[in-house]
Amino acid sequence: MHFSSHYSSLTAWLAMATVPKMSPQKWHRMLSAYSLSAEDIMFNQQVLSSDVISEPVRTALATLRQHIDITAVNQAINWLEQSEQHHILTCEHAHWPTGFSLLSSPPLVLFAVGNVSRLSDTQIAIVGSRRATFSGLQHAEMFATQLAQAGITITSGLATGIDSAAHKGAMSFEGRTIAFLGTGADIIYPRRNHSLARHIVEGGGLIASEFFPGTPAKRFHFPQRNRLIASVAAGTLVVEASLKSGTLITANLAANMGRDVFAVPGNISNSQTSGCHALIQQGAKLVISAEHIIEELSPQVSTAHGLPETSQQKSKEQNLATDKLLDSVELDVTGVDIIAERSALPISVVMATLLEYELRGLVAAVPGGYVKLRGK
């Protein structure tokens, strides 16, 4: 075998990733079972004649080595050498995402363009509909901007709609965004997001993919991409999604990994928010401001960051206002108009906050208004 570079360990990981019908999960099992390095598995001839591994496994390994795509490995190394912005990461890299350990079949390699240190940031995934409403786009960008200002990096999939709005919002503060692709890192899909991808890299963000350079967009690549997004983020925020949206796959993957799932409520007559409402019914946390998410992640967010002073002041004032709202609800039935009058808050704020309180088990909706629960 002849490879175009001296990157022995990296070349071994790339070689494993090119063998067809051999999942990353199986490679990881082999490496773990025999305490061998990637180089030993792929290139050490003595392994095939030693007693370190059993005869059947040695025979299978010899066959697997014959199916290495040498051309793909060399092309990947050539891509790496084209720019200082190009990176190929393995589990041996300092910024390899720890969240990948939650996956049953984590990638063997990760191709990246830009600032790889972003992968070690505390991250929130913001996902949603490609056919987002105007208000949905505004909400995605607003949440992303405020979270980035608090030191949280925004991860998404570079799709049109909510994904793009989230990336744009995060880029407004230190380029705190990561875009995972369902294509090779050198192919931007959809094409209209070429400029956005360039701005992400130039602004200090990152483009990442587990697919080799040159890999085109294919339908089954995007669910694979979604599992990476769900695994690296401490939580997933769904801004808009229909009931049959692929966005819900990402949210469910996050939930199954024990990650927080947040959802923004919307107009009940808008099909684009029906997925968010379904998630809330299933236990997702209803959020109407970035502060709700930041409070959940406060132990993970660096003390060097935080909400801008004005936002912190707003949060304190809002907490005082909503505490007053809760105090306005009695153990007997209390009408919404009475709650609004007592708390001196607009009806729209009262309704949204009551819905949140209801989901948290603090109040219950009953005919004629609301009642306080558990003596809160």
Protein backbone atom coordinates (compact mmCIF):
# COMPACT_ATOMS: atom_id res chain seq x y z
CA MET A 1 0.00 0.00 0.00
CA HIS A 2 1.23 3.47 -0.81
CA PHE A 3 -0.13 6.58 0.87
CA SER A 4 0.65 10.17 0.02
CA SER A 5 1.64 11.19 3.53
CA HIS A 6 3.53 10.30 6.67
CA TYR A 7 0.51 10.78 8.98
CA SER A 8 0.70 7.16 10.16
CA SER A 9 -1.91 7.19 12.95
CA LEU A 10 -4.31 9.45 11.07
CA THR A 11 -3.86 7.37 7.92
CA ALA A 12 -4.81 4.26 9.87
CA TRP A 13 -8.05 5.81 11.12
CA LEU A 14 -8.89 7.03 7.62
CA ALA A 15 -8.15 3.57 6.22
CA MET A 16 -10.57 1.97 8.68
CA ALA A 17 -13.26 4.48 7.71
CA THR A 18 -13.03 3.47 4.03
CA VAL A 19 -13.60 -0.27 4.51
CA PRO A 20 -17.13 -1.05 3.27
CA LYS A 21 -19.65 -2.88 5.45
CA MET A 22 -17.49 -2.40 8.54
CA SER A 23 -19.18 -0.04 10.97
CA PRO A 24 -17.28 2.25 13.32
CA GLN A 25 -18.85 0.32 16.18
CA LYS A 26 -17.17 -2.93 15.05
CA TRP A 27 -13.80 -1.22 14.66
CA HIS A 28 -14.03 0.25 18.13
CA ARG A 29 -14.89 -3.16 19.56
CA MET A 30 -11.86 -4.69 17.91
CA LEU A 31 -9.54 -1.95 19.14
CA SER A 32 -10.88 -2.28 22.67
CA ALA A 33 -10.98 -6.08 22.79
CA TYR A 34 -7.34 -6.51 21.82
CA SER A 35 -5.89 -3.23 23.21
CA LEU A 36 -4.38 -2.45 19.83
CA SER A 37 -3.82 0.91 18.15
CA ALA A 38 -5.36 1.87 14.84
CA GLU A 39 -1.92 1.53 13.23
CA ASP A 40 -1.52 -2.01 14.58
CA ILE A 41 -4.95 -3.01 13.29
CA MET A 42 -4.43 -1.63 9.80
CA PHE A 43 -0.71 -1.80 9.05
CA ASN A 44 1.21 -4.00 11.51
CA GLN A 45 1.93 -7.24 9.67
CA GLN A 46 3.06 -8.98 12.86
CA VAL A 47 -0.50 -8.75 14.19
CA LEU A 48 -1.61 -11.16 11.45
CA SER A 49 0.85 -13.81 12.60
CA SER A 50 0.81 -13.31 16.36
CA ASP A 51 -1.32 -14.89 19.06
CA VAL A 52 -2.60 -11.50 20.19
CA ILE A 53 -5.83 -12.15 18.31
CA SER A 54 -7.53 -15.42 17.37
CA GLU A 55 -7.04 -17.11 14.00
CA PRO A 56 -10.59 -16.33 12.72
CA VAL A 57 -10.15 -12.65 13.57
CA ARG A 58 -6.70 -12.55 11.95
CA THR A 59 -8.19 -14.01 8.78
CA ALA A 60 -11.07 -11.52 8.81
CA LEU A 61 -8.66 -8.63 9.44
CA ALA A 62 -6.45 -9.66 6.53
CA THR A 63 -9.53 -9.55 4.28
CA LEU A 64 -10.63 -6.17 5.64
CA ARG A 65 -7.21 -4.69 4.93
CA GLN A 66 -7.58 -5.71 1.29
CA HIS A 67 -10.70 -3.52 1.02
CA ILE A 68 -9.07 -0.26 2.12
CA ASP A 69 -9.85 2.49 -0.40
CA ILE A 70 -6.32 3.82 -0.87
CA THR A 71 -7.50 6.53 -3.27
CA ALA A 72 -10.01 7.90 -0.75
CA VAL A 73 -7.37 7.96 2.00
CA ASN A 74 -4.87 9.81 -0.19
CA GLN A 75 -7.53 12.30 -1.34
CA ALA A 76 -8.45 12.99 2.29
CA ILE A 77 -4.80 13.67 3.19
CA ASN A 78 -4.46 15.91 0.11
CA TRP A 79 -7.53 17.85 1.22
CA LEU A 80 -6.01 18.25 4.69
CA GLU A 81 -2.84 19.71 3.23
CA GLN A 82 -4.67 22.23 1.03
CA SER A 83 -5.28 24.71 3.85
CA GLU A 84 -4.37 25.42 7.46
CA GLN A 85 -8.12 25.74 8.02
CA HIS A 86 -8.61 22.07 7.12
CA HIS A 87 -8.51 19.50 9.92
CA ILE A 88 -9.08 15.78 10.30
CA LEU A 89 -9.83 14.72 13.87
CA THR A 90 -9.84 11.29 15.50
CA CYS A 91 -10.63 10.24 19.07
CA GLU A 92 -6.97 10.98 19.85
CA HIS A 93 -7.46 14.71 19.16
CA ALA A 94 -7.70 17.17 22.07
CA HIS A 95 -10.96 18.63 20.75
CA TRP A 96 -12.65 15.34 19.85
CA PRO A 97 -16.23 15.81 21.15
CA THR A 98 -16.80 13.91 24.38
CA GLY A 99 -20.48 13.62 23.44
CA PHE A 100 -19.58 11.14 20.69
CA SER A 101 -19.10 8.56 23.44
CA LEU A 102 -22.90 8.53 23.84
CA LEU A 103 -23.32 7.18 20.30
CA SER A 104 -23.58 3.46 19.64
CA SER A 105 -21.53 3.94 16.48
CA PRO A 106 -19.46 7.14 16.76
CA PRO A 107 -17.53 8.31 13.69
CA LEU A 108 -13.95 7.19 13.24
CA VAL A 109 -12.86 10.51 11.78
CA LEU A 110 -14.25 14.04 11.62
CA PHE A 111 -13.41 16.44 8.81
CA ALA A 112 -13.52 20.10 9.82
CA VAL A 113 -12.92 23.56 8.42
CA GLY A 114 -12.27 26.48 10.74
CA ASN A 115 -11.81 26.79 14.50
CA VAL A 116 -11.77 23.22 15.91
CA SER A 117 -11.65 24.50 19.50
CA ARG A 118 -15.36 25.25 19.09
CA LEU A 119 -15.97 21.51 19.53
CA SER A 120 -14.90 21.83 23.18
CA ASP A 121 -17.33 24.68 23.87
CA THR A 122 -20.58 24.22 25.77
CA GLN A 123 -23.10 23.89 22.98
CA ILE A 124 -26.83 24.18 22.38
CA ALA A 125 -28.33 22.78 19.19
CA ILE A 126 -30.95 25.01 17.57
CA VAL A 127 -32.99 23.19 14.94
CA GLY A 128 -36.30 23.57 13.17
CA SER A 129 -38.25 23.82 9.97
CA ARG A 130 -36.68 24.60 6.61
CA ARG A 131 -39.92 26.42 5.75
CA ALA A 132 -39.93 28.57 8.84
CA THR A 133 -42.24 31.52 9.37
CA PHE A 134 -40.90 35.05 9.70
CA SER A 135 -41.43 35.00 13.45
CA GLY A 136 -39.73 31.60 13.69
CA LEU A 137 -36.63 32.94 11.95
CA GLN A 138 -36.62 35.95 14.28
CA HIS A 139 -36.89 33.73 17.35
CA ALA A 140 -34.09 31.41 16.18
CA GLU A 141 -31.74 34.32 15.54
CA MET A 142 -32.66 36.00 18.83
CA PHE A 143 -32.09 32.86 20.92
CA ALA A 144 -28.80 32.16 19.13
CA THR A 145 -27.51 35.70 19.66
CA GLN A 146 -28.38 35.77 23.35
CA LEU A 147 -26.97 32.30 24.01
CA ALA A 148 -23.74 33.14 22.18
CA GLN A 149 -23.41 36.29 24.29
CA ALA A 150 -23.62 34.05 27.36
CA GLY A 151 -20.69 31.96 26.11
CA ILE A 152 -22.70 29.11 24.59
CA THR A 153 -21.86 27.91 21.08
CA ILE A 154 -24.77 27.24 18.72
CA THR A 155 -24.74 23.99 16.76
CA SER A 156 -27.00 23.28 13.79
CA GLY A 157 -27.11 21.71 10.35
CA LEU A 158 -26.66 24.62 7.87
CA ALA A 159 -30.07 23.92 6.34
CA THR A 160 -32.32 26.74 5.15
CA GLY A 161 -34.81 28.18 7.60
CA ILE A 162 -34.24 27.85 11.34
CA ASP A 163 -30.72 26.37 11.00
CA SER A 164 -29.48 29.31 8.92
CA ALA A 165 -31.08 31.87 11.23
CA ALA A 166 -29.43 30.23 14.25
CA HIS A 167 -25.99 30.27 12.63
CA LYS A 168 -26.41 33.94 11.68
CA GLY A 169 -27.45 34.91 15.19
CA ALA A 170 -24.52 33.11 16.80
CA MET A 171 -22.02 34.63 14.36
CA SER A 172 -22.83 38.07 15.73
CA PHE A 173 -20.80 37.22 18.83
CA GLU A 174 -17.31 35.71 18.45
CA GLY A 175 -18.43 33.37 15.68
CA ARG A 176 -19.80 30.92 18.23
CA THR A 177 -21.35 28.39 15.87
CA ILE A 178 -20.75 24.92 14.45
CA ALA A 179 -22.42 23.58 11.30
CA PHE A 180 -22.55 19.80 10.87
CA LEU A 181 -23.04 18.76 7.25
CA GLY A 182 -24.70 15.80 5.54
CA THR A 183 -22.07 16.09 2.79
CA GLY A 184 -18.30 16.23 2.65
CA ALA A 185 -16.80 19.26 4.38
CA ASP A 186 -15.93 20.68 0.95
CA ILE A 187 -19.48 20.53 -0.40
CA ILE A 188 -22.03 23.02 0.92
CA TYR A 189 -25.68 21.97 0.72
CA PRO A 190 -27.89 23.74 -0.06
CA ARG A 191 -25.80 25.77 -2.48
CA ARG A 192 -27.46 29.01 -1.45
CA ASN A 193 -25.64 28.72 1.90
CA HIS A 194 -22.14 28.94 0.38
CA SER A 195 -21.78 32.51 1.60
CA LEU A 196 -23.06 31.63 5.07
CA ALA A 197 -20.58 28.74 5.34
CA ARG A 198 -17.73 31.03 4.33
CA HIS A 199 -18.73 33.63 6.91
CA ILE A 200 -18.89 30.94 9.62
CA VAL A 201 -15.30 29.87 8.95
CA GLU A 202 -13.98 33.42 8.54
CA GLY A 203 -15.78 34.56 11.70
CA GLY A 204 -14.26 31.95 14.01
CA GLY A 205 -16.85 29.19 13.69
CA LEU A 206 -16.56 25.64 12.37
CA ILE A 207 -17.87 23.45 9.55
CA ALA A 208 -17.73 19.71 10.36
CA SER A 209 -18.63 16.40 8.73
CA GLU A 210 -17.99 12.71 9.20
CA PHE A 211 -18.20 12.20 5.42
CA PHE A 212 -15.07 12.19 3.27
CA PRO A 213 -14.41 15.26 1.10
CA GLY A 214 -16.27 15.03 -2.18
CA THR A 215 -19.27 13.17 -0.68
CA PRO A 216 -22.49 14.57 -2.20
CA ALA A 217 -25.79 15.11 -0.39
CA LYS A 218 -27.85 11.96 0.03
CA ARG A 219 -31.12 11.59 1.91
CA PHE A 220 -29.84 9.04 4.42
CA HIS A 221 -26.84 11.22 5.32
CA PHE A 222 -28.94 13.76 7.18
CA PRO A 223 -30.26 11.48 9.95
CA GLN A 224 -26.61 10.45 10.45
CA ARG A 225 -25.66 14.12 10.66
CA ASN A 226 -28.47 14.74 13.16
CA ARG A 227 -27.14 12.18 15.64
CA LEU A 228 -23.84 14.09 15.79
CA ILE A 229 -25.65 17.37 16.48
CA ALA A 230 -27.68 15.77 19.27
CA SER A 231 -24.62 14.16 20.87
CA VAL A 232 -22.32 17.20 21.06
CA ALA A 233 -24.91 19.64 22.41
CA ALA A 234 -25.83 19.90 26.08
CA GLY A 235 -29.40 20.52 24.96
CA THR A 236 -31.50 20.91 21.83
CA LEU A 237 -33.84 23.83 21.21
CA VAL A 238 -36.62 23.29 18.68
CA VAL A 239 -37.97 26.60 17.38
CA GLU A 240 -40.47 25.47 14.74
CA ALA A 241 -41.26 21.97 13.49
CA SER A 242 -44.22 20.12 12.05
CA LEU A 243 -45.32 16.77 13.49
CA LYS A 244 -43.58 14.84 10.70
CA SER A 245 -40.45 16.98 10.67
CA GLY A 246 -36.99 15.44 10.67
CA THR A 247 -36.25 17.98 13.40
CA LEU A 248 -38.14 15.80 15.86
CA ILE A 249 -35.66 13.00 15.13
CA THR A 250 -32.87 15.20 16.44
CA ALA A 251 -34.91 16.13 19.51
CA ASN A 252 -35.75 12.50 20.26
CA LEU A 253 -32.12 11.47 19.80
CA ALA A 254 -31.10 14.17 22.28
CA ALA A 255 -33.71 13.03 24.79
CA ASN A 256 -32.62 9.40 24.47
CA MET A 257 -29.05 10.48 25.30
CA GLY A 258 -30.25 12.21 28.45
CA ARG A 259 -29.85 15.69 26.97
CA ASP A 260 -32.26 18.55 27.69
CA VAL A 261 -34.85 19.30 25.03
CA PHE A 262 -36.35 22.79 24.84
CA ALA A 263 -39.23 23.96 22.66
CA VAL A 264 -40.62 27.36 21.74
CA PRO A 265 -44.45 27.45 21.81
CA GLY A 266 -46.37 29.04 18.97
CA ASN A 267 -49.75 29.62 17.40
CA ILE A 268 -51.83 26.45 17.81
CA SER A 269 -53.30 26.98 14.31
CA ASN A 270 -49.84 26.97 12.71
CA SER A 271 -48.81 23.48 11.59
CA GLN A 272 -45.16 24.56 11.77
CA THR A 273 -45.38 24.71 15.57
CA SER A 274 -47.33 21.49 16.10
CA GLY A 275 -44.10 19.55 16.55
CA CYS A 276 -42.99 21.92 19.33
CA HIS A 277 -46.30 21.48 21.13
CA ALA A 278 -46.02 17.71 20.83
CA LEU A 279 -42.54 17.83 22.35
CA ILE A 280 -43.81 19.97 25.23
CA GLN A 281 -46.58 17.44 25.86
CA GLN A 282 -43.90 14.73 25.97
CA GLY A 283 -41.85 16.59 28.56
CA ALA A 284 -39.71 19.08 26.64
CA LYS A 285 -39.08 22.32 28.53
CA LEU A 286 -41.14 25.24 27.29
CA VAL A 287 -38.96 28.32 26.81
CA ILE A 288 -39.88 31.86 25.88
CA SER A 289 -36.49 33.44 26.52
CA ALA A 290 -32.80 32.49 26.39
CA GLU A 291 -32.60 33.01 30.14
CA HIS A 292 -34.59 29.81 30.68
CA ILE A 293 -31.95 27.81 28.82
CA ILE A 294 -29.01 29.60 30.44
CA GLU A 295 -30.43 28.85 33.89
CA GLU A 296 -30.60 25.15 33.03
CA LEU A 297 -27.01 25.15 31.77
CA SER A 298 -25.56 27.50 34.40
CA PRO A 299 -23.16 24.88 35.87
CA GLN A 300 -21.69 24.28 32.40
CA VAL A 301 -21.37 27.89 31.25
CA SER A 302 -18.01 29.54 31.92
CA THR A 303 -18.09 32.17 34.65
CA ALA A 304 -16.14 34.38 32.25
CA HIS A 305 -19.34 34.78 30.28
CA GLY A 306 -22.86 35.66 31.16
CA LEU A 307 -25.79 37.66 30.03
CA PRO A 308 -25.14 41.31 29.23
CA GLU A 309 -25.90 43.56 32.20
CA THR A 310 -29.09 44.82 30.65
CA SER A 311 -30.25 41.27 30.02
CA GLN A 312 -29.36 40.23 33.57
CA GLN A 313 -31.35 43.18 34.90
CA LYS A 314 -34.24 42.20 32.69
CA SER A 315 -34.04 38.64 34.01
CA LYS A 316 -34.18 39.86 37.63
CA GLU A 317 -37.12 42.10 36.88
CA GLN A 318 -38.84 39.30 34.99
CA ASN A 319 -38.34 36.88 37.88
CA LEU A 320 -39.85 39.41 40.29
CA ALA A 321 -42.77 39.92 37.93
CA THR A 322 -43.43 36.21 37.40
CA ASP A 323 -43.10 35.51 41.16
CA LYS A 324 -45.76 38.13 41.65
CA LEU A 325 -47.83 36.43 38.97
CA LEU A 326 -47.66 33.10 40.78
CA ASP A 327 -48.65 34.82 44.01
CA SER A 328 -51.69 36.16 42.15
CA VAL A 329 -53.05 32.64 41.64
CA GLU A 330 -55.07 31.31 44.57
CA LEU A 331 -55.86 27.78 45.73
CA ASP A 332 -59.40 28.49 44.55
CA VAL A 333 -60.25 29.23 40.93
CA THR A 334 -58.67 32.52 39.82
CA GLY A 335 -59.66 34.12 36.51
CA VAL A 336 -56.98 35.14 34.01
CA ASP A 337 -58.18 38.75 34.04
CA ILE A 338 -57.78 38.85 37.82
CA ILE A 339 -54.29 37.36 37.61
CA ALA A 340 -53.32 39.95 35.00
CA GLU A 341 -54.71 42.79 37.11
CA ARG A 342 -52.95 41.62 40.29
CA SER A 343 -49.60 41.00 38.60
CA ALA A 344 -49.78 44.16 36.44
CA LEU A 345 -48.62 42.17 33.40
CA PRO A 346 -50.02 42.05 29.83
CA ILE A 347 -52.49 39.24 29.13
CA SER A 348 -50.10 37.74 26.53
CA VAL A 349 -47.30 37.45 29.12
CA VAL A 350 -49.70 36.09 31.72
CA MET A 351 -50.98 33.37 29.36
CA ALA A 352 -47.48 32.30 28.30
CA THR A 353 -46.23 32.21 31.89
CA LEU A 354 -49.27 30.32 33.13
CA LEU A 355 -48.71 27.71 30.43
CA GLU A 356 -45.12 27.33 31.60
CA TYR A 357 -46.23 27.07 35.23
CA GLU A 358 -48.83 24.48 34.25
CA LEU A 359 -46.16 22.34 32.59
CA ARG A 360 -43.98 22.67 35.69
CA GLY A 361 -46.85 21.51 37.89
CA LEU A 362 -47.22 24.81 39.76
CA VAL A 363 -50.75 25.61 38.57
CA ALA A 364 -53.60 23.79 36.85
CA ALA A 365 -56.04 25.09 34.25
CA VAL A 366 -59.66 24.58 35.33
CA PRO A 367 -62.98 25.91 34.09
CA GLY A 368 -63.00 29.63 34.83
CA GLY A 369 -59.25 30.12 35.23
CA TYR A 370 -56.35 28.57 37.17
CA VAL A 371 -55.67 27.15 40.62
CA LYS A 372 -52.36 26.96 42.47
CA LEU A 373 -51.04 23.47 43.19
CA ARG A 374 -49.04 22.01 46.05
CA GLY A 375 -49.39 25.15 48.13
CA LYS A 376 -46.78 27.00 45.97
